[in-house]
Amino acid sequence: MSDLYVDMETLDRVRHNIECISELMKRPGREMEDVDGWSMGVDALARRMDDFGNEWSYGIGQIEKFSDAASEALLKVKQEFQRVDGELADALPRTRSQAGGGRK
């Protein structure tokens, strides 16, 4: 292998944690979307509760969307580093032998 080093264990752990964030946010997002302000009884409070539920649901949805995108990006980073590392490892022995270097 080449001297290129990426801590894949840490990369996998971070990616897993980000995926967990996305999963954790799905339920509260659905629940906040279903908030029924009219059950509060007071019109102004009911409207504000509906607005709050919609805004909160949107925000949670954004967190979910961005954490999914971050997880996918980390997977691509991992795959690309593995590909480049393999290519470097394959190229190193040829370069040494073509240059007359290496051990005999």
N, C-alpha and C. Protein backbone atom coordinates (compact mmCIF):
# COMPACT_ATOMS: atom_id res chain seq x y z
N MET A 1 0.83 -1.18 0.00
CA MET A 1 0.00 0.00 0.00
C MET A 1 0.88 1.25 0.00
N SER A 2 0.29 2.34 -0.39
CA SER A 2 1.01 3.62 -0.42
C SER A 2 1.03 4.23 0.98
N ASP A 3 1.64 5.41 1.07
CA ASP A 3 1.70 6.11 2.35
C ASP A 3 0.48 7.00 2.60
N LEU A 4 -0.46 6.99 1.69
CA LEU A 4 -1.70 7.75 1.87
C LEU A 4 -2.47 7.12 3.03
N TYR A 5 -2.90 7.96 3.97
CA TYR A 5 -3.60 7.41 5.13
C TYR A 5 -4.85 8.22 5.44
N VAL A 6 -5.94 7.53 5.54
CA VAL A 6 -7.20 8.10 6.01
C VAL A 6 -7.71 7.15 7.07
N ASP A 7 -8.08 7.67 8.21
CA ASP A 7 -8.60 6.82 9.28
C ASP A 7 -10.03 6.41 8.93
N MET A 8 -10.15 5.27 8.26
CA MET A 8 -11.46 4.81 7.78
C MET A 8 -12.41 4.48 8.93
N GLU A 9 -11.87 4.02 10.03
CA GLU A 9 -12.71 3.71 11.18
C GLU A 9 -13.40 4.97 11.70
N THR A 10 -12.63 6.04 11.81
CA THR A 10 -13.20 7.31 12.26
C THR A 10 -14.19 7.85 11.23
N LEU A 11 -13.84 7.75 9.97
CA LEU A 11 -14.73 8.20 8.90
C LEU A 11 -16.05 7.44 8.95
N ASP A 12 -15.97 6.12 9.13
CA ASP A 12 -17.19 5.31 9.24
C ASP A 12 -18.01 5.69 10.46
N ARG A 13 -17.33 5.94 11.58
CA ARG A 13 -18.03 6.30 12.82
C ARG A 13 -18.76 7.64 12.67
N VAL A 14 -18.09 8.62 12.08
CA VAL A 14 -18.71 9.93 11.87
C VAL A 14 -19.91 9.79 10.93
N ARG A 15 -19.73 9.02 9.87
CA ARG A 15 -20.83 8.82 8.92
C ARG A 15 -22.02 8.15 9.61
N HIS A 16 -21.75 7.15 10.43
CA HIS A 16 -22.82 6.46 11.16
C HIS A 16 -23.54 7.44 12.10
N ASN A 17 -22.79 8.27 12.80
CA ASN A 17 -23.40 9.24 13.71
C ASN A 17 -24.29 10.23 12.96
N ILE A 18 -23.84 10.66 11.80
CA ILE A 18 -24.65 11.59 11.00
C ILE A 18 -25.92 10.90 10.52
N GLU A 19 -25.81 9.63 10.12
CA GLU A 19 -27.01 8.89 9.71
C GLU A 19 -27.99 8.77 10.88
N CYS A 20 -27.47 8.57 12.08
CA CYS A 20 -28.33 8.47 13.26
C CYS A 20 -29.06 9.79 13.52
N ILE A 21 -28.40 10.90 13.30
CA ILE A 21 -29.05 12.21 13.47
C ILE A 21 -30.26 12.30 12.55
N SER A 22 -30.07 11.90 11.32
CA SER A 22 -31.17 11.94 10.35
C SER A 22 -32.33 11.08 10.82
N GLU A 23 -32.04 9.88 11.27
CA GLU A 23 -33.10 8.98 11.74
C GLU A 23 -33.79 9.54 12.99
N LEU A 24 -33.00 10.10 13.91
CA LEU A 24 -33.57 10.65 15.14
C LEU A 24 -34.52 11.82 14.86
N MET A 25 -34.25 12.57 13.82
CA MET A 25 -35.03 13.77 13.54
C MET A 25 -36.33 13.47 12.80
N LYS A 26 -36.46 12.32 12.21
CA LYS A 26 -37.66 12.01 11.42
C LYS A 26 -38.93 12.02 12.27
N ARG A 27 -38.90 11.37 13.41
CA ARG A 27 -40.10 11.27 14.25
C ARG A 27 -40.55 12.64 14.77
N PRO A 28 -39.65 13.42 15.39
CA PRO A 28 -40.10 14.74 15.85
C PRO A 28 -40.60 15.61 14.71
N GLY A 29 -40.00 15.48 13.54
CA GLY A 29 -40.46 16.26 12.39
C GLY A 29 -41.89 15.93 12.03
N ARG A 30 -42.21 14.64 12.01
CA ARG A 30 -43.58 14.22 11.71
C ARG A 30 -44.54 14.69 12.80
N GLU A 31 -44.11 14.57 14.05
CA GLU A 31 -44.99 14.95 15.17
C GLU A 31 -45.25 16.46 15.18
N MET A 32 -44.24 17.26 14.91
CA MET A 32 -44.43 18.71 14.92
C MET A 32 -45.31 19.14 13.75
N GLU A 33 -45.22 18.43 12.65
CA GLU A 33 -46.06 18.74 11.50
C GLU A 33 -47.53 18.52 11.83
N ASP A 34 -47.80 17.57 12.71
CA ASP A 34 -49.17 17.22 13.08
C ASP A 34 -49.73 18.04 14.23
N VAL A 35 -48.94 19.02 14.74
CA VAL A 35 -49.43 19.84 15.84
C VAL A 35 -50.71 20.56 15.40
N ASP A 36 -51.75 20.42 16.21
CA ASP A 36 -53.04 21.05 15.91
C ASP A 36 -53.25 22.19 16.89
N GLY A 37 -52.94 23.40 16.43
CA GLY A 37 -53.08 24.56 17.29
C GLY A 37 -54.50 24.84 17.72
N TRP A 38 -55.47 24.41 16.95
CA TRP A 38 -56.87 24.71 17.27
C TRP A 38 -57.34 23.98 18.52
N SER A 39 -56.61 22.99 18.94
CA SER A 39 -56.98 22.32 20.19
C SER A 39 -56.62 23.18 21.41
N MET A 40 -55.88 24.28 21.18
CA MET A 40 -55.49 25.17 22.28
C MET A 40 -56.66 26.03 22.75
N GLY A 41 -57.65 26.27 21.88
CA GLY A 41 -58.84 27.01 22.29
C GLY A 41 -58.82 28.49 21.98
N VAL A 42 -57.69 29.16 22.06
CA VAL A 42 -57.60 30.60 21.81
C VAL A 42 -57.08 30.78 20.38
N ASP A 43 -57.83 31.56 19.58
CA ASP A 43 -57.50 31.69 18.15
C ASP A 43 -56.05 32.13 17.90
N ALA A 44 -55.61 33.18 18.57
CA ALA A 44 -54.25 33.70 18.33
C ALA A 44 -53.21 32.65 18.71
N LEU A 45 -53.43 31.98 19.82
CA LEU A 45 -52.52 30.93 20.26
C LEU A 45 -52.56 29.75 19.30
N ALA A 46 -53.74 29.43 18.83
CA ALA A 46 -53.89 28.31 17.89
C ALA A 46 -53.12 28.59 16.60
N ARG A 47 -53.23 29.79 16.07
CA ARG A 47 -52.50 30.14 14.83
C ARG A 47 -50.99 30.07 15.06
N ARG A 48 -50.58 30.60 16.21
CA ARG A 48 -49.14 30.60 16.51
C ARG A 48 -48.62 29.17 16.68
N MET A 49 -49.38 28.31 17.31
CA MET A 49 -48.98 26.90 17.47
C MET A 49 -48.89 26.20 16.11
N ASP A 50 -49.83 26.50 15.23
CA ASP A 50 -49.77 25.92 13.88
C ASP A 50 -48.52 26.40 13.15
N ASP A 51 -48.24 27.70 13.26
CA ASP A 51 -47.03 28.25 12.62
C ASP A 51 -45.78 27.60 13.20
N PHE A 52 -45.76 27.49 14.53
CA PHE A 52 -44.60 26.89 15.20
C PHE A 52 -44.39 25.46 14.73
N GLY A 53 -45.46 24.70 14.67
CA GLY A 53 -45.35 23.30 14.23
C GLY A 53 -44.83 23.21 12.81
N ASN A 54 -45.31 24.08 11.94
CA ASN A 54 -44.84 24.07 10.55
C ASN A 54 -43.38 24.48 10.43
N GLU A 55 -43.00 25.53 11.17
CA GLU A 55 -41.62 26.00 11.12
C GLU A 55 -40.67 24.96 11.70
N TRP A 56 -41.04 24.37 12.80
CA TRP A 56 -40.22 23.36 13.45
C TRP A 56 -40.07 22.14 12.54
N SER A 57 -41.15 21.74 11.93
CA SER A 57 -41.11 20.61 11.01
C SER A 57 -40.19 20.90 9.83
N TYR A 58 -40.26 22.11 9.31
CA TYR A 58 -39.38 22.50 8.20
C TYR A 58 -37.92 22.44 8.64
N GLY A 59 -37.62 23.01 9.80
CA GLY A 59 -36.24 23.01 10.30
C GLY A 59 -35.70 21.61 10.52
N ILE A 60 -36.50 20.76 11.10
CA ILE A 60 -36.08 19.37 11.31
C ILE A 60 -35.88 18.68 9.96
N GLY A 61 -36.75 18.97 9.02
CA GLY A 61 -36.59 18.41 7.67
C GLY A 61 -35.29 18.84 7.03
N GLN A 62 -34.90 20.09 7.25
CA GLN A 62 -33.63 20.58 6.71
C GLN A 62 -32.45 19.86 7.36
N ILE A 63 -32.50 19.68 8.67
CA ILE A 63 -31.43 18.95 9.37
C ILE A 63 -31.33 17.54 8.80
N GLU A 64 -32.47 16.91 8.62
CA GLU A 64 -32.51 15.55 8.07
C GLU A 64 -31.90 15.53 6.67
N LYS A 65 -32.30 16.48 5.84
CA LYS A 65 -31.80 16.55 4.46
C LYS A 65 -30.29 16.75 4.43
N PHE A 66 -29.79 17.69 5.24
CA PHE A 66 -28.37 17.99 5.23
C PHE A 66 -27.55 16.85 5.85
N SER A 67 -28.08 16.18 6.86
CA SER A 67 -27.34 15.06 7.43
C SER A 67 -27.28 13.89 6.45
N ASP A 68 -28.35 13.66 5.70
CA ASP A 68 -28.32 12.63 4.66
C ASP A 68 -27.27 12.97 3.60
N ALA A 69 -27.23 14.23 3.19
CA ALA A 69 -26.25 14.66 2.18
C ALA A 69 -24.82 14.52 2.71
N ALA A 70 -24.61 14.87 3.98
CA ALA A 70 -23.28 14.74 4.58
C ALA A 70 -22.85 13.29 4.64
N SER A 71 -23.77 12.40 5.00
CA SER A 71 -23.46 10.98 5.06
C SER A 71 -23.07 10.45 3.68
N GLU A 72 -23.82 10.84 2.66
CA GLU A 72 -23.51 10.41 1.29
C GLU A 72 -22.15 10.95 0.85
N ALA A 73 -21.86 12.20 1.20
CA ALA A 73 -20.57 12.79 0.83
C ALA A 73 -19.42 12.06 1.50
N LEU A 74 -19.58 11.71 2.78
CA LEU A 74 -18.53 10.97 3.47
C LEU A 74 -18.31 9.60 2.86
N LEU A 75 -19.37 8.95 2.43
CA LEU A 75 -19.23 7.66 1.76
C LEU A 75 -18.43 7.82 0.46
N LYS A 76 -18.72 8.86 -0.30
CA LYS A 76 -17.98 9.11 -1.54
C LYS A 76 -16.51 9.41 -1.25
N VAL A 77 -16.25 10.19 -0.20
CA VAL A 77 -14.87 10.48 0.19
C VAL A 77 -14.14 9.18 0.51
N LYS A 78 -14.77 8.33 1.29
CA LYS A 78 -14.17 7.05 1.66
C LYS A 78 -13.86 6.21 0.41
N GLN A 79 -14.83 6.09 -0.47
CA GLN A 79 -14.65 5.28 -1.67
C GLN A 79 -13.54 5.85 -2.56
N GLU A 80 -13.49 7.16 -2.67
CA GLU A 80 -12.47 7.79 -3.51
C GLU A 80 -11.08 7.62 -2.91
N PHE A 81 -10.95 7.77 -1.60
CA PHE A 81 -9.65 7.54 -0.96
C PHE A 81 -9.21 6.10 -1.14
N GLN A 82 -10.12 5.16 -1.01
CA GLN A 82 -9.76 3.76 -1.20
C GLN A 82 -9.31 3.51 -2.64
N ARG A 83 -10.00 4.12 -3.60
CA ARG A 83 -9.62 3.96 -5.01
C ARG A 83 -8.23 4.54 -5.26
N VAL A 84 -8.00 5.78 -4.80
CA VAL A 84 -6.72 6.44 -5.01
C VAL A 84 -5.61 5.68 -4.31
N ASP A 85 -5.85 5.22 -3.11
CA ASP A 85 -4.85 4.47 -2.36
C ASP A 85 -4.46 3.20 -3.12
N GLY A 86 -5.45 2.51 -3.66
CA GLY A 86 -5.17 1.31 -4.44
C GLY A 86 -4.36 1.62 -5.69
N GLU A 87 -4.71 2.70 -6.38
CA GLU A 87 -3.97 3.09 -7.58
C GLU A 87 -2.53 3.47 -7.24
N LEU A 88 -2.35 4.19 -6.14
CA LEU A 88 -0.99 4.56 -5.72
C LEU A 88 -0.18 3.31 -5.36
N ALA A 89 -0.80 2.41 -4.64
CA ALA A 89 -0.11 1.18 -4.25
C ALA A 89 0.29 0.37 -5.48
N ASP A 90 -0.59 0.31 -6.46
CA ASP A 90 -0.29 -0.43 -7.69
C ASP A 90 0.83 0.24 -8.48
N ALA A 91 0.89 1.56 -8.46
CA ALA A 91 1.88 2.29 -9.25
C ALA A 91 3.26 2.30 -8.62
N LEU A 92 3.36 2.24 -7.31
CA LEU A 92 4.65 2.35 -6.64
C LEU A 92 5.64 1.26 -7.03
N PRO A 93 5.30 -0.01 -7.00
CA PRO A 93 6.29 -1.03 -7.37
C PRO A 93 6.79 -0.88 -8.81
N ARG A 94 5.92 -0.51 -9.74
CA ARG A 94 6.33 -0.33 -11.13
C ARG A 94 7.31 0.83 -11.24
N THR A 95 7.05 1.89 -10.55
CA THR A 95 7.91 3.07 -10.61
C THR A 95 9.30 2.75 -10.09
N ARG A 96 9.37 2.06 -8.98
CA ARG A 96 10.67 1.70 -8.40
C ARG A 96 11.44 0.76 -9.32
N SER A 97 10.77 -0.23 -9.87
CA SER A 97 11.48 -1.19 -10.72
C SER A 97 11.87 -0.56 -12.05
N GLN A 98 11.07 0.36 -12.57
CA GLN A 98 11.40 1.02 -13.83
C GLN A 98 12.57 1.98 -13.66
N ALA A 99 12.71 2.56 -12.49
CA ALA A 99 13.79 3.51 -12.23
C ALA A 99 15.07 2.81 -11.80
N GLY A 100 15.03 1.50 -11.70
CA GLY A 100 16.20 0.77 -11.27
C GLY A 100 16.37 0.77 -9.77
N GLY A 101 15.37 1.26 -9.06
CA GLY A 101 15.44 1.30 -7.60
C GLY A 101 14.90 0.03 -7.00
N GLY A 102 14.61 0.09 -5.77
CA GLY A 102 14.06 -1.07 -5.08
C GLY A 102 15.16 -1.97 -4.56
N ARG A 103 14.80 -3.00 -3.90
CA ARG A 103 15.77 -3.93 -3.31
C ARG A 103 16.03 -5.08 -4.26
N LYS A 104 17.21 -5.61 -4.17
CA LYS A 104 17.58 -6.74 -5.03
C LYS A 104 17.78 -7.97 -4.22
